[in-house]
C-alpha cells in the first residue's frame, strides 16, 4: 500500500510542478520552463479530450435507455 501512496505523491508533485512552470512561463521564464509548460498544457488538453469523449458516450447511452 505504501508504494501506491508514493506513486500518487509523485504524480501530485509532477502536476504541481507543471502548474508552477505554466505560471512561470507566462511571466517569461527560461526556455526549459516554457518547454515543461507546453508539455503540461498539452497533457491537459489530451485529458480534457478523453474526458469529453467518455462523458458523451455515457450520457448518450443513458438517454437512449430512457426513451
Protein backbone atom coordinates (compact mmCIF):
# COMPACT_ATOMS: atom_id res chain seq x y z
CA UNK A 1 0.00 0.00 0.00
CA UNK A 2 2.84 2.42 0.68
CA UNK A 3 4.06 2.04 -2.92
CA UNK A 4 0.68 3.25 -4.17
CA UNK A 5 0.89 6.27 -1.86
CA UNK A 6 4.39 7.05 -3.11
CA UNK A 7 3.25 6.85 -6.73
CA UNK A 8 0.28 9.13 -6.03
CA UNK A 9 2.51 11.63 -4.21
CA UNK A 10 4.90 11.56 -7.18
CA UNK A 11 2.07 12.23 -9.64
CA UNK A 12 0.82 15.06 -7.42
CA UNK A 13 4.29 16.62 -7.29
CA UNK A 14 4.62 16.41 -11.07
CA UNK A 15 1.23 18.08 -11.52
CA UNK A 16 2.07 20.88 -9.10
CA UNK A 17 5.46 21.34 -10.73
CA UNK A 18 3.82 21.55 -14.14
CA UNK A 19 1.40 24.19 -12.88
CA UNK A 20 4.28 26.20 -11.41
CA UNK A 21 6.07 26.03 -14.76
CA UNK A 22 2.96 27.25 -16.60
CA UNK A 23 2.74 30.30 -14.33
CA UNK A 24 6.49 30.95 -14.50
CA UNK A 25 6.49 30.63 -18.30
CA UNK A 26 3.62 33.11 -18.58
CA UNK A 27 5.89 35.59 -16.80
CA UNK A 28 8.78 34.98 -19.19
CA UNK A 29 10.76 32.16 -17.63
CA UNK A 30 13.72 30.35 -19.19
CA UNK A 31 13.36 28.13 -22.24
CA UNK A 32 13.20 24.85 -20.31
CA UNK A 33 10.31 26.20 -18.22
CA UNK A 34 8.43 27.10 -21.38
CA UNK A 35 9.01 23.57 -22.65
CA UNK A 36 7.67 21.99 -19.47
CA UNK A 37 4.71 24.36 -19.55
CA UNK A 38 3.94 23.39 -23.16
CA UNK A 39 4.02 19.69 -22.25
CA UNK A 40 1.80 20.31 -19.21
CA UNK A 41 -0.76 22.24 -21.25
CA UNK A 42 -0.69 19.59 -23.96
CA UNK A 43 -1.34 16.80 -21.48
CA UNK A 44 -4.18 18.85 -20.04
CA UNK A 45 -5.76 19.13 -23.49
CA UNK A 46 -5.41 15.37 -24.01
CA UNK A 47 -7.01 14.66 -20.63
CA UNK A 48 -9.85 17.07 -21.42
CA UNK A 49 -10.47 15.42 -24.79
CA UNK A 50 -10.55 11.95 -23.24
CA UNK A 51 -12.87 13.17 -20.52
CA UNK A 52 -15.25 14.73 -23.05
CA UNK A 53 -15.41 11.68 -25.27
CA UNK A 54 -16.03 9.38 -22.32
CA UNK A 55 -18.73 11.63 -20.89
CA UNK A 56 -20.57 11.91 -24.19
CA UNK A 57 -20.79 8.17 -24.77
CA UNK A 58 -22.06 7.55 -21.25
CA UNK A 59 -24.63 10.34 -21.45
CA UNK A 60 -25.79 9.08 -24.85
CA UNK A 61 -26.30 5.55 -23.60
CA UNK A 62 -28.25 6.82 -20.58
CA UNK A 63 -30.59 8.95 -22.70
CA UNK A 64 -31.09 6.09 -25.19
CA UNK A 65 -32.13 3.68 -22.46
CA UNK A 66 -34.65 6.22 -21.11
CA UNK A 67 -36.59 6.51 -24.40
